[in-house]
Protein backbone atom coordinates (compact mmCIF):
# COMPACT_ATOMS: atom_id res chain seq x y z
CA MET A 1 115.82 48.48 139.51
CA ILE A 2 118.11 49.31 136.60
CA LYS A 3 116.74 46.22 134.63
CA PHE A 4 113.09 47.44 135.32
CA PHE A 5 113.86 50.86 133.73
CA ARG A 6 115.73 49.28 130.88
CA ASN A 7 112.73 47.09 130.06
CA ILE A 8 110.47 50.13 130.06
CA ARG A 9 112.77 51.96 127.65
CA LYS A 10 112.84 48.87 125.32
CA LYS A 11 109.16 48.56 125.33
CA LEU A 12 108.62 52.12 124.31
CA LEU A 13 111.16 51.80 121.55
CA ASN A 14 109.52 48.58 120.25
CA GLU A 15 106.03 50.33 120.21
CA GLY A 16 107.50 53.25 118.32
CA LYS A 17 106.71 55.73 121.01
CA THR A 18 109.88 57.68 120.38
CA SER A 19 108.70 60.98 121.95
CA ARG A 20 107.51 59.21 125.12
CA TYR A 21 110.90 57.28 125.19
CA PHE A 22 112.82 60.64 125.21
CA LYS A 23 110.58 62.10 127.82
CA TYR A 24 110.97 59.05 129.90
CA ALA A 25 114.77 58.96 129.44
CA ILE A 26 115.08 62.62 130.46
CA GLY A 27 112.92 61.95 133.54
CA GLU A 28 115.08 59.04 134.35
CA ILE A 29 118.30 61.20 134.07
CA ILE A 30 116.67 63.88 136.34
CA LEU A 31 115.87 61.19 138.91
CA VAL A 32 119.56 59.94 138.72
CA VAL A 33 120.89 63.45 139.16
CA ILE A 34 118.50 64.15 142.19
CA GLY A 35 119.71 60.78 143.63
CA ILE A 36 123.22 61.79 143.24
CA LEU A 37 122.61 65.27 144.82
CA ILE A 38 120.85 63.62 147.75
CA ALA A 39 123.74 61.26 148.30
CA LEU A 40 126.23 64.12 148.16
CA GLN A 41 124.23 66.09 150.63
CA ILE A 42 124.00 63.22 153.02
CA ASN A 43 127.76 62.80 152.62
CA ASN A 44 128.27 66.45 153.34
CA TRP A 45 126.06 66.22 156.38
CA ASN A 46 128.10 63.22 157.69
CA GLU A 47 131.39 65.02 156.98
CA LYS A 48 130.16 68.08 158.81
CA ARG A 49 128.93 66.04 161.73
CA LYS A 50 132.27 64.33 161.91
CA SER A 51 134.16 67.63 161.65
CA ASN A 52 132.07 69.16 164.45
CA LYS A 53 132.58 66.18 166.71
CA MET A 54 136.35 66.49 166.12
CA ALA A 55 136.22 70.27 166.61
CA TYR A 56 134.37 69.71 169.91
CA GLU A 57 137.19 67.47 171.11
CA VAL A 58 139.86 69.91 170.21
CA TYR A 59 138.01 72.71 171.99
CA THR A 60 137.51 70.44 175.01
CA ASN A 61 141.16 69.55 175.08
CA LEU A 62 142.28 73.10 174.62
CA LEU A 63 140.06 74.31 177.33
CA THR A 64 141.27 71.78 179.78
CA SER A 65 144.92 72.76 179.06
CA LEU A 66 144.09 76.47 179.33
CA GLU A 67 142.29 76.00 182.61
CA GLN A 68 145.43 74.35 184.03
CA ASP A 69 147.60 77.07 182.67
CA SER A 70 145.29 79.68 184.16
CA ILE A 71 145.73 78.21 187.73
CA GLU A 72 149.50 78.05 187.35
CA VAL A 73 149.95 81.44 185.79
CA GLU A 74 147.77 82.98 188.56
CA ARG A 75 149.96 81.37 191.26
CA THR A 76 153.16 82.50 189.59
CA VAL A 77 151.93 86.03 189.19
CA SER A 78 150.99 86.18 192.82
CA LEU A 79 154.46 85.00 193.88
CA LEU A 80 156.33 87.36 191.61
CA THR A 81 154.18 90.33 192.41
CA LYS A 82 154.85 89.76 196.24
CA SER A 83 158.61 89.36 195.43
CA LEU A 84 158.56 92.65 193.58
CA GLU A 85 156.79 94.40 196.36
CA THR A 86 159.41 93.09 198.99
CA GLN A 87 162.30 93.96 196.70
CA LYS A 88 160.97 97.43 196.17
CA LYS A 89 160.70 97.95 199.89
CA LEU A 90 164.46 96.95 200.22
CA ILE A 91 165.49 99.07 197.33
CA LEU A 92 163.67 102.15 198.80
CA ASN A 93 165.27 101.48 202.14
CA GLN A 94 168.91 101.71 201.55
CA SER A 95 169.55 101.61 205.30
CA ASN A 96 169.02 98.23 207.13
CA GLN A 97 167.66 100.07 210.28
CA PHE A 98 164.09 98.94 209.53
CA THR A 99 165.15 95.28 209.26
CA LYS A 100 166.90 95.17 212.64
CA GLN A 101 163.51 95.55 214.24
CA LEU A 102 162.27 92.34 212.50
CA ASN A 103 162.21 88.92 214.38
CA GLN A 104 163.46 85.77 212.93
CA ASN A 105 160.11 84.74 211.34
CA ASP A 106 159.60 88.18 209.72
CA LEU A 107 163.14 88.15 208.45
CA ASP A 108 162.76 84.53 207.00
CA LYS A 109 159.48 85.62 205.37
CA MET A 110 160.97 88.75 203.78
CA VAL A 111 163.89 86.76 202.19
CA GLN A 112 161.54 84.00 201.18
CA GLU A 113 159.39 86.62 199.43
CA VAL A 114 162.46 87.84 197.57
CA PHE A 115 163.62 84.36 196.72
CA SER A 116 160.11 83.36 195.30
CA GLY A 117 160.72 85.58 192.33
CA VAL A 118 162.74 82.66 190.92
CA MET A 119 159.42 80.81 190.33
CA SER A 120 158.65 80.15 186.71
CA PHE A 121 155.50 79.51 184.74
CA PHE A 122 155.65 76.42 182.51
CA PRO A 123 152.82 76.34 180.07
CA LYS A 124 151.30 73.19 178.87
CA THR A 125 151.69 73.38 175.11
CA GLY A 126 151.03 69.56 174.22
CA VAL A 127 147.56 70.00 173.02
CA TYR A 128 148.36 73.03 170.97
CA GLU A 129 151.41 71.27 169.36
CA LEU A 130 149.33 68.33 168.55
CA ILE A 131 146.46 70.27 166.80
CA THR A 132 149.00 72.31 164.84
CA SER A 133 151.07 69.22 163.75
CA ASN A 134 147.98 67.28 162.39
CA ASN A 135 146.28 70.45 160.91
CA SER A 136 143.42 70.17 163.47
CA MET A 137 143.39 73.93 163.54
CA ASP A 138 141.44 73.98 160.37
CA LEU A 139 138.58 72.38 162.28
CA LEU A 140 138.14 75.58 164.37
CA GLN A 141 135.59 77.83 162.75
CA SER A 142 136.39 80.83 164.89
CA GLU A 143 139.13 82.89 163.28
CA ASN A 144 139.31 85.00 166.42
CA ILE A 145 140.05 81.88 168.50
CA LYS A 146 142.70 80.71 166.04
CA SER A 147 144.35 84.14 165.92
CA LEU A 148 144.32 84.35 169.81
CA LEU A 149 145.75 80.73 170.10
CA ILE A 150 148.66 81.48 167.63
CA ASN A 151 149.43 84.73 169.50
CA LEU A 152 149.42 83.15 172.87
CA TYR A 153 151.47 79.99 172.00
CA ASP A 154 153.77 81.22 169.33
CA PHE A 155 154.32 84.73 170.62
CA GLN A 156 153.38 85.46 174.26
CA TYR A 157 154.63 82.26 175.75
CA LYS A 158 157.98 82.35 173.84
CA ARG A 159 158.45 86.00 174.69
CA TYR A 160 158.01 85.27 178.37
CA GLU A 161 160.31 82.18 178.23
CA ASN A 162 163.10 84.46 176.83
CA VAL A 163 162.79 87.02 179.68
CA ASP A 164 162.22 84.30 182.37
CA ALA A 165 165.59 82.64 181.26
CA ILE A 166 167.39 85.90 182.16
CA VAL A 167 165.53 85.98 185.52
CA ASP A 168 166.50 82.37 186.17
CA TYR A 169 170.18 83.19 185.43
CA LYS A 170 170.29 86.27 187.69
CA TYR A 171 168.73 84.29 190.59
CA HIS A 172 170.92 81.15 190.05
CA TYR A 173 174.22 83.00 189.85
CA HIS A 174 173.67 86.24 191.70
CA LEU A 175 170.71 87.06 193.81
CA GLY A 176 169.86 83.41 194.68
CA SER A 177 173.49 82.55 195.22
CA LEU A 178 173.85 85.53 197.69
CA ILE A 179 170.69 84.34 199.65
CA ARG A 180 171.93 80.87 199.89
CA LYS A 181 175.69 81.19 200.45
CA LYS A 182 176.00 84.47 202.42
CA LEU A 183 172.70 84.82 204.12
CA GLY A 184 172.50 81.08 204.92
CA PHE A 185 168.86 80.90 203.76
CA ILE A 186 167.97 77.36 202.49
CA VAL A 187 164.69 76.26 200.98
CA GLU A 188 163.14 73.36 199.23
CA TYR A 189 160.30 72.88 196.81
CA ASN A 190 157.47 70.56 197.89
CA SER A 191 155.35 68.39 195.62
CA GLU A 192 153.03 71.50 194.95
CA SER A 193 156.13 73.65 194.07
CA LYS A 194 155.82 75.67 197.19
CA LEU A 195 158.75 76.81 199.13
CA ASN A 196 159.64 75.33 202.52
CA VAL A 197 162.22 76.89 204.67
CA ILE A 198 165.01 74.42 205.76
CA LYS A 199 167.39 76.92 207.24
CA GLY A 200 166.35 80.44 208.33
CA VAL A 201 168.37 83.63 207.66
CA ASP A 202 171.44 84.38 209.75
CA PRO A 203 170.58 87.90 211.16
CA VAL A 204 174.27 88.73 211.54
CA GLN A 205 175.06 87.83 207.88
CA PHE A 206 171.93 89.56 206.69
CA ASN A 207 173.07 92.84 208.21
CA ALA A 208 176.62 92.36 206.98
CA HIS A 209 175.45 91.75 203.36
CA TYR A 210 172.40 93.99 203.36
CA ASP A 211 173.95 96.44 200.79
CA GLU A 212 174.83 93.55 198.53
CA LEU A 213 171.25 92.17 198.79
CA VAL A 214 169.87 95.64 197.84
CA SER A 215 172.26 95.80 194.89
CA GLU A 216 171.18 92.44 193.62
CA CYS A 217 167.55 93.39 194.00
CA GLN A 218 168.10 96.56 192.00
CA ASP A 219 169.80 94.51 189.33
CA VAL A 220 166.96 91.93 189.01
CA TYR A 221 164.05 94.07 189.74
CA GLY A 222 163.61 95.47 186.21
CA VAL A 223 163.65 92.17 184.28
CA LEU A 224 161.52 90.49 186.89
CA SER A 225 158.93 93.27 186.55
CA THR A 226 158.89 92.77 182.77
CA SER A 227 158.52 88.99 183.25
CA ASN A 228 155.59 89.56 185.65
CA ASN A 229 154.00 92.02 183.21
CA TYR A 230 154.19 89.49 180.47
CA LEU A 231 152.54 86.87 182.69
CA ILE A 232 149.69 89.23 183.43
CA GLU A 233 149.15 89.71 179.65
CA ILE A 234 149.27 85.96 179.28
CA LYS A 235 146.56 85.59 182.02
CA LYS A 236 144.33 87.95 180.22
CA SER A 237 144.70 86.12 176.91
CA ILE A 238 144.01 82.75 178.69
CA ASN A 239 140.87 84.11 180.23
CA GLU A 240 139.66 85.57 176.96
CA LEU A 241 140.29 82.25 175.12
CA GLN A 242 138.47 80.43 177.80
CA LEU A 243 135.43 82.53 177.48
CA LEU A 244 135.42 82.18 173.68
CA ILE A 245 135.87 78.38 173.72
CA ARG A 246 133.17 77.92 176.21
CA LYS A 247 130.82 79.93 174.02
CA GLU A 248 131.76 77.70 171.06
CA LEU A 249 131.13 74.57 173.12
CA LYS A 250 127.83 75.86 174.26
CA ASP A 251 126.64 76.96 170.78
CA ASN A 252 127.69 73.64 169.34
């Protein structure tokens, strides 16, 4: 093709048709420029299509991770809320008269609910860490989604982890230790992280250490309540992100 155009230009020059030569040369330049622009546009389309495909994969992986976190945080909030309700009941009833009317099953259930406050939420951060480490965050067009992701993973999760560490310490060395060693209540976690009672509460020891149990509940109640409130905020953020990501996936 290039040789063909060269022959035409040579013929025009040999025939002395200079003005036609220049017109032809200009037209040839315009054609070349148009060809380059078309090639660039096609390349841009291909790059955009590739970016959209990668963004779709990122959104899909994020959504899967958030859906799993949503289930886990909902379960943890439910356990902590129930634990707080039971602890509040104990704190407001300084006398153990009301517990003396409880049978063994009710007593075990009450202490189990108190003990369930030790349960923690462990977010799945692998997908987020991957997309931030390889700059995949730039693929996400929604500034709102990016802002919410950063707030959730870099602030809300870490803030919760700091408070949860305090709760874990209080349960491990204080409230939980009292329940295990002095009340004789032993539990285990099954494969679904649910509590199974191995040994029930000793009613005599329960009454003997009731005041100490109330005192430990008073000590942990505030920080456990804060932890639960943080989880409720996390749940709201996860739900909002899921809605926005599903919309992005639907629109694309």
